[in-house]
Full PDB file with SEQRES, HELIX, SHEET, SSBOND, CRYST1, ORIGX, SCALE, CONECT and MASTER records, all heavy atoms in Angstrom:
SEQRES   1 A   43  THR PHE GLY TYR SER LYS GLY GLN PRO CYS ILE LEU LEU          
SEQRES   2 A   43  LYS MET ASN ARG ILE ILE GLY TYR ARG PRO GLY ALA GLY          
SEQRES   3 A   43  VAL PRO VAL SER VAL ASP CYS LYS VAL GLN LYS GLY ASN          
SEQRES   4 A   43  GLU SER ASN LEU                                              
HELIX    1 AA1 TYR A    4  LYS A    6  5                                   3    
HELIX    2 AA2 PRO A   23  GLY A   26  5                                   4    
HELIX    3 AA3 GLU A   40  ASN A   42  5                                   3    
CRYST1    1.000    1.000    1.000  90.00  90.00  90.00 P 1           1          
ORIGX1      1.000000  0.000000  0.000000        0.00000                         
ORIGX2      0.000000  1.000000  0.000000        0.00000                         
ORIGX3      0.000000  0.000000  1.000000        0.00000                         
SCALE1      1.000000  0.000000  0.000000        0.00000                         
SCALE2      0.000000  1.000000  0.000000        0.00000                         
SCALE3      0.000000  0.000000  1.000000        0.00000                         
ATOM      1  N   THR A   1     123.041 127.802 106.520  1.00  0.00           N  
ATOM      2  CA  THR A   1     123.733 128.858 107.276  1.00  0.00           C  
ATOM      3  C   THR A   1     122.772 129.655 108.151  1.00  0.00           C  
ATOM      4  O   THR A   1     123.175 130.638 108.788  1.00  0.00           O  
ATOM      5  CB  THR A   1     124.469 129.833 106.337  1.00  0.00           C  
ATOM      6  OG1 THR A   1     123.518 130.640 105.635  1.00  0.00           O  
ATOM      7  CG2 THR A   1     125.349 129.080 105.347  1.00  0.00           C  
ATOM      8  N   PHE A   2     121.500 129.269 108.191  1.00  0.00           N  
ATOM      9  CA  PHE A   2     120.499 129.931 109.034  1.00  0.00           C  
ATOM     10  C   PHE A   2     120.425 131.435 108.771  1.00  0.00           C  
ATOM     11  O   PHE A   2     120.136 132.218 109.676  1.00  0.00           O  
ATOM     12  CB  PHE A   2     120.789 129.686 110.517  1.00  0.00           C  
ATOM     13  CG  PHE A   2     120.742 128.245 110.927  1.00  0.00           C  
ATOM     14  CD1 PHE A   2     121.914 127.495 110.990  1.00  0.00           C  
ATOM     15  CD2 PHE A   2     119.552 127.618 111.238  1.00  0.00           C  
ATOM     16  CE1 PHE A   2     121.892 126.156 111.359  1.00  0.00           C  
ATOM     17  CE2 PHE A   2     119.512 126.280 111.612  1.00  0.00           C  
ATOM     18  CZ  PHE A   2     120.684 125.549 111.663  1.00  0.00           C  
ATOM     19  N   GLY A   3     120.714 131.849 107.539  1.00  0.00           N  
ATOM     20  CA  GLY A   3     120.625 133.256 107.172  1.00  0.00           C  
ATOM     21  C   GLY A   3     121.860 134.085 107.486  1.00  0.00           C  
ATOM     22  O   GLY A   3     121.951 135.243 107.069  1.00  0.00           O  
ATOM     23  N   TYR A   4     122.816 133.508 108.201  1.00  0.00           N  
ATOM     24  CA  TYR A   4     123.994 134.281 108.604  1.00  0.00           C  
ATOM     25  C   TYR A   4     124.829 134.696 107.392  1.00  0.00           C  
ATOM     26  O   TYR A   4     125.427 135.777 107.385  1.00  0.00           O  
ATOM     27  CB  TYR A   4     124.834 133.486 109.603  1.00  0.00           C  
ATOM     28  CG  TYR A   4     124.226 133.467 110.984  1.00  0.00           C  
ATOM     29  CD1 TYR A   4     123.159 132.620 111.290  1.00  0.00           C  
ATOM     30  CD2 TYR A   4     124.681 134.311 111.993  1.00  0.00           C  
ATOM     31  CE1 TYR A   4     122.581 132.609 112.541  1.00  0.00           C  
ATOM     32  CE2 TYR A   4     124.120 134.312 113.255  1.00  0.00           C  
ATOM     33  CZ  TYR A   4     123.061 133.463 113.522  1.00  0.00           C  
ATOM     34  OH  TYR A   4     122.481 133.473 114.763  1.00  0.00           O  
ATOM     35  N   SER A   5     124.876 133.873 106.372  1.00  0.00           N  
ATOM     36  CA  SER A   5     125.654 134.200 105.175  1.00  0.00           C  
ATOM     37  C   SER A   5     125.044 135.348 104.379  1.00  0.00           C  
ATOM     38  O   SER A   5     125.692 135.920 103.504  1.00  0.00           O  
ATOM     39  CB  SER A   5     125.787 132.968 104.273  1.00  0.00           C  
ATOM     40  OG  SER A   5     124.511 132.562 103.793  1.00  0.00           O  
ATOM     41  N   LYS A   6     123.791 135.701 104.703  1.00  0.00           N  
ATOM     42  CA  LYS A   6     123.098 136.782 104.010  1.00  0.00           C  
ATOM     43  C   LYS A   6     122.918 138.013 104.900  1.00  0.00           C  
ATOM     44  O   LYS A   6     122.295 138.992 104.487  1.00  0.00           O  
ATOM     45  CB  LYS A   6     121.719 136.304 103.536  1.00  0.00           C  
ATOM     46  CG  LYS A   6     121.760 135.070 102.640  1.00  0.00           C  
ATOM     47  CD  LYS A   6     120.354 134.566 102.369  1.00  0.00           C  
ATOM     48  CE  LYS A   6     120.380 133.258 101.577  1.00  0.00           C  
ATOM     49  NZ  LYS A   6     119.010 132.692 101.404  1.00  0.00           N  
ATOM     50  N   GLY A   7     123.422 137.937 106.117  1.00  0.00           N  
ATOM     51  CA  GLY A   7     123.216 139.038 107.046  1.00  0.00           C  
ATOM     52  C   GLY A   7     121.811 139.092 107.597  1.00  0.00           C  
ATOM     53  O   GLY A   7     121.352 140.148 108.044  1.00  0.00           O  
ATOM     54  N   GLN A   8     121.109 137.939 107.551  1.00  0.00           N  
ATOM     55  CA  GLN A   8     119.748 137.832 108.063  1.00  0.00           C  
ATOM     56  C   GLN A   8     119.668 136.669 109.058  1.00  0.00           C  
ATOM     57  O   GLN A   8     119.082 135.628 108.778  1.00  0.00           O  
ATOM     58  CB  GLN A   8     118.769 137.610 106.912  1.00  0.00           C  
ATOM     59  CG  GLN A   8     118.766 138.725 105.880  1.00  0.00           C  
ATOM     60  CD  GLN A   8     117.815 138.443 104.738  1.00  0.00           C  
ATOM     61  OE1 GLN A   8     117.560 137.294 104.377  1.00  0.00           O  
ATOM     62  NE2 GLN A   8     117.283 139.492 104.131  1.00  0.00           N  
ATOM     63  N   PRO A   9     120.266 136.827 110.237  1.00  0.00           N  
ATOM     64  CA  PRO A   9     120.432 135.699 111.164  1.00  0.00           C  
ATOM     65  C   PRO A   9     119.142 135.208 111.807  1.00  0.00           C  
ATOM     66  O   PRO A   9     118.224 135.984 112.071  1.00  0.00           O  
ATOM     67  CB  PRO A   9     121.374 136.263 112.232  1.00  0.00           C  
ATOM     68  CG  PRO A   9     121.080 137.729 112.226  1.00  0.00           C  
ATOM     69  CD  PRO A   9     120.822 138.074 110.775  1.00  0.00           C  
ATOM     70  N   CYS A  10     119.108 133.907 112.039  1.00  0.00           N  
ATOM     71  CA  CYS A  10     118.039 133.291 112.827  1.00  0.00           C  
ATOM     72  C   CYS A  10     118.524 133.113 114.261  1.00  0.00           C  
ATOM     73  O   CYS A  10     119.670 132.719 114.500  1.00  0.00           O  
ATOM     74  CB  CYS A  10     117.676 131.922 112.259  1.00  0.00           C  
ATOM     75  SG  CYS A  10     116.783 131.974 110.690  1.00  0.00           S  
ATOM     76  N   ILE A  11     117.651 133.377 115.196  1.00  0.00           N  
ATOM     77  CA  ILE A  11     117.925 133.155 116.609  1.00  0.00           C  
ATOM     78  C   ILE A  11     116.739 132.401 117.185  1.00  0.00           C  
ATOM     79  O   ILE A  11     115.578 132.707 116.891  1.00  0.00           O  
ATOM     80  CB  ILE A  11     118.144 134.486 117.352  1.00  0.00           C  
ATOM     81  CG1 ILE A  11     119.394 135.183 116.804  1.00  0.00           C  
ATOM     82  CG2 ILE A  11     118.288 134.247 118.855  1.00  0.00           C  
ATOM     83  CD1 ILE A  11     119.641 136.546 117.402  1.00  0.00           C  
ATOM     84  N   LEU A  12     117.026 131.383 118.000  1.00  0.00           N  
ATOM     85  CA  LEU A  12     115.980 130.547 118.582  1.00  0.00           C  
ATOM     86  C   LEU A  12     115.709 130.961 120.020  1.00  0.00           C  
ATOM     87  O   LEU A  12     116.640 131.235 120.786  1.00  0.00           O  
ATOM     88  CB  LEU A  12     116.403 129.077 118.543  1.00  0.00           C  
ATOM     89  CG  LEU A  12     116.815 128.529 117.177  1.00  0.00           C  
ATOM     90  CD1 LEU A  12     117.284 127.080 117.305  1.00  0.00           C  
ATOM     91  CD2 LEU A  12     115.671 128.636 116.182  1.00  0.00           C  
ATOM     92  N   LEU A  13     114.445 130.984 120.375  1.00  0.00           N  
ATOM     93  CA  LEU A  13     114.033 131.325 121.736  1.00  0.00           C  
ATOM     94  C   LEU A  13     113.423 130.098 122.393  1.00  0.00           C  
ATOM     95  O   LEU A  13     112.563 129.432 121.802  1.00  0.00           O  
ATOM     96  CB  LEU A  13     113.003 132.458 121.701  1.00  0.00           C  
ATOM     97  CG  LEU A  13     112.641 133.081 123.055  1.00  0.00           C  
ATOM     98  CD1 LEU A  13     113.778 133.971 123.536  1.00  0.00           C  
ATOM     99  CD2 LEU A  13     111.363 133.909 122.941  1.00  0.00           C  
ATOM    100  N   LYS A  14     113.883 129.808 123.605  1.00  0.00           N  
ATOM    101  CA  LYS A  14     113.414 128.634 124.343  1.00  0.00           C  
ATOM    102  C   LYS A  14     112.922 129.065 125.717  1.00  0.00           C  
ATOM    103  O   LYS A  14     113.600 129.796 126.431  1.00  0.00           O  
ATOM    104  CB  LYS A  14     114.551 127.613 124.494  1.00  0.00           C  
ATOM    105  CG  LYS A  14     114.157 126.313 125.184  1.00  0.00           C  
ATOM    106  CD  LYS A  14     115.297 125.312 125.137  1.00  0.00           C  
ATOM    107  CE  LYS A  14     116.390 125.637 126.109  1.00  0.00           C  
ATOM    108  NZ  LYS A  14     116.001 125.348 127.521  1.00  0.00           N  
ATOM    109  N   MET A  15     111.733 128.609 126.063  1.00  0.00           N  
ATOM    110  CA  MET A  15     111.178 128.885 127.384  1.00  0.00           C  
ATOM    111  C   MET A  15     111.724 127.871 128.387  1.00  0.00           C  
ATOM    112  O   MET A  15     111.791 126.679 128.093  1.00  0.00           O  
ATOM    113  CB  MET A  15     109.639 128.792 127.315  1.00  0.00           C  
ATOM    114  CG  MET A  15     108.910 129.440 128.471  1.00  0.00           C  
ATOM    115  SD  MET A  15     107.104 129.135 128.409  1.00  0.00           S  
ATOM    116  CE  MET A  15     106.664 129.795 126.804  1.00  0.00           C  
ATOM    117  N   ASN A  16     112.129 128.338 129.563  1.00  0.00           N  
ATOM    118  CA  ASN A  16     112.658 127.429 130.577  1.00  0.00           C  
ATOM    119  C   ASN A  16     111.583 126.441 131.045  1.00  0.00           C  
ATOM    120  O   ASN A  16     110.404 126.785 131.120  1.00  0.00           O  
ATOM    121  CB  ASN A  16     113.188 128.217 131.778  1.00  0.00           C  
ATOM    122  CG  ASN A  16     114.422 129.030 131.445  1.00  0.00           C  
ATOM    123  OD1 ASN A  16     115.027 128.841 130.388  1.00  0.00           O  
ATOM    124  ND2 ASN A  16     114.796 129.945 132.322  1.00  0.00           N  
ATOM    125  N   ARG A  17     112.019 125.239 131.363  1.00  0.00           N  
ATOM    126  CA  ARG A  17     111.082 124.199 131.785  1.00  0.00           C  
ATOM    127  C   ARG A  17     110.685 124.388 133.241  1.00  0.00           C  
ATOM    128  O   ARG A  17     111.530 124.607 134.107  1.00  0.00           O  
ATOM    129  CB  ARG A  17     111.718 122.822 131.624  1.00  0.00           C  
ATOM    130  CG  ARG A  17     112.092 122.470 130.196  1.00  0.00           C  
ATOM    131  CD  ARG A  17     112.757 121.110 130.142  1.00  0.00           C  
ATOM    132  NE  ARG A  17     113.160 120.758 128.784  1.00  0.00           N  
ATOM    133  CZ  ARG A  17     113.727 119.601 128.453  1.00  0.00           C  
ATOM    134  NH1 ARG A  17     113.959 118.685 129.380  1.00  0.00           N  
ATOM    135  NH2 ARG A  17     114.070 119.362 127.194  1.00  0.00           N  
ATOM    136  N   ILE A  18     109.382 124.282 133.490  1.00  0.00           N  
ATOM    137  CA  ILE A  18     108.860 124.318 134.860  1.00  0.00           C  
ATOM    138  C   ILE A  18     107.867 123.180 134.999  1.00  0.00           C  
ATOM    139  O   ILE A  18     106.882 123.111 134.253  1.00  0.00           O  
ATOM    140  CB  ILE A  18     108.159 125.662 135.160  1.00  0.00           C  
ATOM    141  CG1 ILE A  18     109.130 126.839 134.973  1.00  0.00           C  
ATOM    142  CG2 ILE A  18     107.591 125.661 136.574  1.00  0.00           C  
ATOM    143  CD1 ILE A  18     108.470 128.200 135.106  1.00  0.00           C  
ATOM    144  N   ILE A  19     108.119 122.265 135.919  1.00  0.00           N  
ATOM    145  CA  ILE A  19     107.263 121.092 136.087  1.00  0.00           C  
ATOM    146  C   ILE A  19     105.826 121.507 136.413  1.00  0.00           C  
ATOM    147  O   ILE A  19     105.581 122.294 137.334  1.00  0.00           O  
ATOM    148  CB  ILE A  19     107.819 120.174 137.192  1.00  0.00           C  
ATOM    149  CG1 ILE A  19     109.167 119.591 136.764  1.00  0.00           C  
ATOM    150  CG2 ILE A  19     106.841 119.040 137.498  1.00  0.00           C  
ATOM    151  CD1 ILE A  19     109.826 118.729 137.835  1.00  0.00           C  
ATOM    152  N   GLY A  20     104.907 120.997 135.611  1.00  0.00           N  
ATOM    153  CA  GLY A  20     103.490 121.241 135.861  1.00  0.00           C  
ATOM    154  C   GLY A  20     102.945 122.555 135.360  1.00  0.00           C  
ATOM    155  O   GLY A  20     101.737 122.796 135.426  1.00  0.00           O  
ATOM    156  N   TYR A  21     103.807 123.410 134.844  1.00  0.00           N  
ATOM    157  CA  TYR A  21     103.358 124.741 134.434  1.00  0.00           C  
ATOM    158  C   TYR A  21     102.570 124.691 133.124  1.00  0.00           C  
ATOM    159  O   TYR A  21     102.948 123.995 132.185  1.00  0.00           O  
ATOM    160  CB  TYR A  21     104.573 125.647 134.272  1.00  0.00           C  
ATOM    161  CG  TYR A  21     104.244 127.093 133.955  1.00  0.00           C  
ATOM    162  CD1 TYR A  21     103.511 127.868 134.844  1.00  0.00           C  
ATOM    163  CD2 TYR A  21     104.695 127.689 132.781  1.00  0.00           C  
ATOM    164  CE1 TYR A  21     103.212 129.196 134.564  1.00  0.00           C  
ATOM    165  CE2 TYR A  21     104.405 129.015 132.493  1.00  0.00           C  
ATOM    166  CZ  TYR A  21     103.667 129.759 133.394  1.00  0.00           C  
ATOM    167  OH  TYR A  21     103.384 131.072 133.108  1.00  0.00           O  
ATOM    168  N   ARG A  22     101.467 125.428 133.082  1.00  0.00           N  
ATOM    169  CA  ARG A  22     100.643 125.522 131.880  1.00  0.00           C  
ATOM    170  C   ARG A  22     100.607 126.984 131.436  1.00  0.00           C  
ATOM    171  O   ARG A  22      99.759 127.756 131.863  1.00  0.00           O  
ATOM    172  CB  ARG A  22      99.228 125.012 132.149  1.00  0.00           C  
ATOM    173  CG  ARG A  22      99.193 123.579 132.682  1.00  0.00           C  
ATOM    174  CD  ARG A  22      97.768 123.127 132.915  1.00  0.00           C  
ATOM    175  NE  ARG A  22      97.715 121.873 133.658  1.00  0.00           N  
ATOM    176  CZ  ARG A  22      96.602 121.229 133.993  1.00  0.00           C  
ATOM    177  NH1 ARG A  22      95.429 121.749 133.619  1.00  0.00           N  
ATOM    178  NH2 ARG A  22      96.639 120.104 134.675  1.00  0.00           N  
ATOM    179  N   PRO A  23     101.537 127.374 130.575  1.00  0.00           N  
ATOM    180  CA  PRO A  23     101.648 128.782 130.205  1.00  0.00           C  
ATOM    181  C   PRO A  23     100.439 129.289 129.428  1.00  0.00           C  
ATOM    182  O   PRO A  23      99.807 128.570 128.678  1.00  0.00           O  
ATOM    183  CB  PRO A  23     102.912 128.808 129.326  1.00  0.00           C  
ATOM    184  CG  PRO A  23     103.032 127.420 128.802  1.00  0.00           C  
ATOM    185  CD  PRO A  23     102.507 126.536 129.880  1.00  0.00           C  
ATOM    186  N   GLY A  24     100.125 130.551 129.673  1.00  0.00           N  
ATOM    187  CA  GLY A  24      99.086 131.209 128.894  1.00  0.00           C  
ATOM    188  C   GLY A  24      97.664 130.985 129.353  1.00  0.00           C  
ATOM    189  O   GLY A  24      96.740 131.562 128.781  1.00  0.00           O  
ATOM    190  N   ALA A  25      97.463 130.140 130.364  1.00  0.00           N  
ATOM    191  CA  ALA A  25      96.108 129.881 130.876  1.00  0.00           C  
ATOM    192  C   ALA A  25      95.142 129.527 129.755  1.00  0.00           C  
ATOM    193  O   ALA A  25      94.037 130.056 129.660  1.00  0.00           O  
ATOM    194  CB  ALA A  25      95.600 131.082 131.669  1.00  0.00           C  
ATOM    195  N   GLY A  26      95.573 128.616 128.870  1.00  0.00           N  
ATOM    196  CA  GLY A  26      94.698 128.142 127.808  1.00  0.00           C  
ATOM    197  C   GLY A  26      94.852 128.848 126.474  1.00  0.00           C  
ATOM    198  O   GLY A  26      94.244 128.450 125.486  1.00  0.00           O  
ATOM    199  N   VAL A  27      95.654 129.899 126.440  1.00  0.00           N  
ATOM    200  CA  VAL A  27      95.917 130.634 125.199  1.00  0.00           C  
ATOM    201  C   VAL A  27      97.426 130.604 124.944  1.00  0.00           C  
ATOM    202  O   VAL A  27      98.205 130.941 125.841  1.00  0.00           O  
ATOM    203  CB  VAL A  27      95.431 132.100 125.287  1.00  0.00           C  
ATOM    204  CG1 VAL A  27      95.736 132.841 123.993  1.00  0.00           C  
ATOM    205  CG2 VAL A  27      93.942 132.133 125.589  1.00  0.00           C  
ATOM    206  N   PRO A  28      97.860 130.199 123.752  1.00  0.00           N  
ATOM    207  CA  PRO A  28      99.294 130.079 123.493  1.00  0.00           C  
ATOM    208  C   PRO A  28     100.059 131.380 123.763  1.00  0.00           C  
ATOM    209  O   PRO A  28      99.590 132.474 123.428  1.00  0.00           O  
ATOM    210  CB  PRO A  28      99.354 129.718 122.002  1.00  0.00           C  
ATOM    211  CG  PRO A  28      98.041 129.064 121.719  1.00  0.00           C  
ATOM    212  CD  PRO A  28      97.051 129.771 122.588  1.00  0.00           C  
ATOM    213  N   VAL A  29     101.221 131.237 124.377  1.00  0.00           N  
ATOM    214  CA  VAL A  29     102.106 132.375 124.623  1.00  0.00           C  
ATOM    215  C   VAL A  29     102.812 132.743 123.311  1.00  0.00           C  
ATOM    216  O   VAL A  29     103.272 131.872 122.576  1.00  0.00           O  
ATOM    217  CB  VAL A  29     103.145 132.027 125.710  1.00  0.00           C  
ATOM    218  CG1 VAL A  29     104.199 133.113 125.827  1.00  0.00           C  
ATOM    219  CG2 VAL A  29     102.448 131.808 127.053  1.00  0.00           C  
ATOM    220  N   SER A  30     102.880 134.035 123.034  1.00  0.00           N  
ATOM    221  CA  SER A  30     103.497 134.509 121.789  1.00  0.00           C  
ATOM    222  C   SER A  30     104.784 135.268 122.081  1.00  0.00           C  
ATOM    223  O   SER A  30     105.088 135.609 123.233  1.00  0.00           O  
ATOM    224  CB  SER A  30     102.525 135.404 121.016  1.00  0.00           C  
ATOM    225  OG  SER A  30     102.212 136.556 121.769  1.00  0.00           O  
ATOM    226  N   VAL A  31     105.519 135.550 121.020  1.00  0.00           N  
ATOM    227  CA  VAL A  31     106.802 136.250 121.133  1.00  0.00           C  
ATOM    228  C   VAL A  31     106.782 137.484 120.242  1.00  0.00           C  
ATOM    229  O   VAL A  31     106.254 137.449 119.124  1.00  0.00           O  
ATOM    230  CB  VAL A  31     107.963 135.328 120.702  1.00  0.00           C  
ATOM    231  CG1 VAL A  31     109.298 136.075 120.761  1.00  0.00           C  
ATOM    232  CG2 VAL A  31     108.010 134.080 121.574  1.00  0.00           C  
ATOM    233  N   ASP A  32     107.332 138.572 120.748  1.00  0.00           N  
ATOM    234  CA  ASP A  32     107.574 139.722 119.879  1.00  0.00           C  
ATOM    235  C   ASP A  32     108.953 140.302 120.185  1.00  0.00           C  
ATOM    236  O   ASP A  32     109.525 140.052 121.243  1.00  0.00           O  
ATOM    237  CB  ASP A  32     106.477 140.785 119.998  1.00  0.00           C  
ATOM    238  CG  ASP A  32     106.452 141.488 121.348  1.00  0.00           C  
ATOM    239  OD1 ASP A  32     107.486 141.498 122.052  1.00  0.00           O  
ATOM    240  OD2 ASP A  32     105.406 142.041 121.719  1.00  0.00           O  
ATOM    241  N   CYS A  33     109.501 141.035 119.220  1.00  0.00           N  
ATOM    242  CA  CYS A  33     110.827 141.624 119.365  1.00  0.00           C  
ATOM    243  C   CYS A  33     110.787 143.091 118.964  1.00  0.00           C  
ATOM    244  O   CYS A  33     110.042 143.479 118.053  1.00  0.00           O  
ATOM    245  CB  CYS A  33     111.845 140.891 118.482  1.00  0.00           C  
ATOM    246  SG  CYS A  33     112.095 139.153 118.904  1.00  0.00           S  
ATOM    247  N   LYS A  34     111.611 143.893 119.625  1.00  0.00           N  
ATOM    248  CA  LYS A  34     111.703 145.316 119.314  1.00  0.00           C  
ATOM    249  C   LYS A  34     113.084 145.819 119.707  1.00  0.00           C  
ATOM    250  O   LYS A  34     113.843 145.139 120.416  1.00  0.00           O  
ATOM    251  CB  LYS A  34     110.622 146.097 120.067  1.00  0.00           C  
ATOM    252  CG  LYS A  34     110.751 146.022 121.585  1.00  0.00           C  
ATOM    253  CD  LYS A  34     109.618 146.765 122.280  1.00  0.00           C  
ATOM    254  CE  LYS A  34     109.762 146.677 123.800  1.00  0.00           C  
ATOM    255  NZ  LYS A  34     108.647 147.392 124.492  1.00  0.00           N  
ATOM    256  N   VAL A  35     113.422 147.004 119.229  1.00  0.00           N  
ATOM    257  CA  VAL A  35     114.670 147.636 119.638  1.00  0.00           C  
ATOM    258  C   VAL A  35     114.559 148.002 121.112  1.00  0.00           C  
ATOM    259  O   VAL A  35     113.605 148.679 121.527  1.00  0.00           O  
ATOM    260  CB  VAL A  35     114.950 148.890 118.785  1.00  0.00           C  
ATOM    261  CG1 VAL A  35     116.165 149.631 119.323  1.00  0.00           C  
ATOM    262  CG2 VAL A  35     115.177 148.497 117.335  1.00  0.00           C  
ATOM    263  N   GLN A  36     115.516 147.537 121.895  1.00  0.00           N  
ATOM    264  CA  GLN A  36     115.427 147.737 123.341  1.00  0.00           C  
ATOM    265  C   GLN A  36     115.698 149.189 123.732  1.00  0.00           C  
ATOM    266  O   GLN A  36     115.082 149.728 124.639  1.00  0.00           O  
ATOM    267  CB  GLN A  36     116.426 146.799 124.049  1.00  0.00           C  
ATOM    268  CG  GLN A  36     116.236 146.707 125.547  1.00  0.00           C  
ATOM    269  CD  GLN A  36     117.257 147.525 126.318  1.00  0.00           C  
ATOM    270  OE1 GLN A  36     118.317 147.851 125.799  1.00  0.00           O  
ATOM    271  NE2 GLN A  36     116.933 147.862 127.560  1.00  0.00           N  
ATOM    272  N   LYS A  37     116.618 149.811 123.023  1.00  0.00           N  
ATOM    273  CA  LYS A  37     116.924 151.213 123.290  1.00  0.00           C  
ATOM    274  C   LYS A  37     117.489 151.834 122.006  1.00  0.00           C  
ATOM    275  O   LYS A  37     118.392 151.265 121.387  1.00  0.00           O  
ATOM    276  CB  LYS A  37     117.940 151.341 124.420  1.00  0.00           C  
ATOM    277  CG  LYS A  37     118.278 152.772 124.828  1.00  0.00           C  
ATOM    278  CD  LYS A  37     119.346 152.808 125.901  1.00  0.00           C  
ATOM    279  CE  LYS A  37     118.845 152.204 127.211  1.00  0.00           C  
ATOM    280  NZ  LYS A  37     119.862 152.348 128.295  1.00  0.00           N  
ATOM    281  N   GLY A  38     116.933 152.959 121.612  1.00  0.00           N  
ATOM    282  CA  GLY A  38     117.426 153.614 120.404  1.00  0.00           C  
ATOM    283  C   GLY A  38     116.344 153.736 119.344  1.00  0.00           C  
ATOM    284  O   GLY A  38     115.142 153.647 119.626  1.00  0.00           O  
ATOM    285  N   ASN A  39     116.772 153.908 118.114  1.00  0.00           N  
ATOM    286  CA  ASN A  39     115.874 154.136 116.990  1.00  0.00           C  
ATOM    287  C   ASN A  39     115.167 152.836 116.586  1.00  0.00           C  
ATOM    288  O   ASN A  39     115.809 151.854 116.235  1.00  0.00           O  
ATOM    289  CB  ASN A  39     116.672 154.687 115.799  1.00  0.00           C  
ATOM    290  CG  ASN A  39     115.775 155.244 114.709  1.00  0.00           C  
ATOM    291  OD1 ASN A  39     114.649 154.790 114.517  1.00  0.00           O  
ATOM    292  ND2 ASN A  39     116.273 156.227 113.982  1.00  0.00           N  
ATOM    293  N   GLU A  40     113.847 152.831 116.642  1.00  0.00           N  
ATOM    294  CA  GLU A  40     113.079 151.630 116.328  1.00  0.00           C  
ATOM    295  C   GLU A  40     113.284 151.175 114.882  1.00  0.00           C  
ATOM    296  O   GLU A  40     113.126 149.991 114.562  1.00  0.00           O  
ATOM    297  CB  GLU A  40     111.589 151.865 116.593  1.00  0.00           C  
ATOM    298  CG  GLU A  40     111.255 152.034 118.070  1.00  0.00           C  
ATOM    299  CD  GLU A  40     109.768 152.209 118.296  1.00  0.00           C  
ATOM    300  OE1 GLU A  40     108.999 152.100 117.315  1.00  0.00           O  
ATOM    301  OE2 GLU A  40     109.373 152.437 119.457  1.00  0.00           O  
ATOM    302  N   SER A  41     113.641 152.106 113.992  1.00  0.00           N  
ATOM    303  CA  SER A  41     113.830 151.753 112.581  1.00  0.00           C  
ATOM    304  C   SER A  41     115.095 150.931 112.340  1.00  0.00           C  
ATOM    305  O   SER A  41     115.317 150.452 111.230  1.00  0.00           O  
ATOM    306  CB  SER A  41     113.877 153.018 111.720  1.00  0.00           C  
ATOM    307  OG  SER A  41     115.017 153.803 112.026  1.00  0.00           O  
ATOM    308  N   ASN A  42     115.921 150.753 113.372  1.00  0.00           N  
ATOM    309  CA  ASN A  42     117.112 149.912 113.225  1.00  0.00           C  
ATOM    310  C   ASN A  42     116.745 148.433 113.073  1.00  0.00           C  
ATOM    311  O   ASN A  42     117.547 147.633 112.617  1.00  0.00           O  
ATOM    312  CB  ASN A  42     118.046 150.077 114.420  1.00  0.00           C  
ATOM    313  CG  ASN A  42     118.686 151.456 114.471  1.00  0.00           C  
ATOM    314  OD1 ASN A  42     118.744 152.153 113.459  1.00  0.00           O  
ATOM    315  ND2 ASN A  42     119.142 151.863 115.650  1.00  0.00           N  
ATOM    316  N   LEU A  43     115.535 148.105 113.496  1.00  0.00           N  
ATOM    317  CA  LEU A  43     115.008 146.747 113.314  1.00  0.00           C  
ATOM    318  C   LEU A  43     113.729 146.871 112.490  1.00  0.00           C  
ATOM    319  O   LEU A  43     112.667 147.194 113.001  1.00  0.00           O  
ATOM    320  CB  LEU A  43     114.724 146.086 114.663  1.00  0.00           C  
ATOM    321  CG  LEU A  43     114.088 144.694 114.636  1.00  0.00           C  
ATOM    322  CD1 LEU A  43     114.993 143.697 113.936  1.00  0.00           C  
ATOM    323  CD2 LEU A  43     113.779 144.223 116.055  1.00  0.00           C  
TER     324      LEU A  43                                                      
MASTER        0    0    0    3    0    0    0    6  323    1    0    4          
END                                                                             
């Protein structure tokens, strides 16, 4: 159930494909998440 049955959902992030692109200039690109607007403690 990917955590949905527990109220802990999984969401997948996919980077759009660009021919020839080498993201990060030799250093892997990372992901972070935060509350976009409002109380940061909600996440």
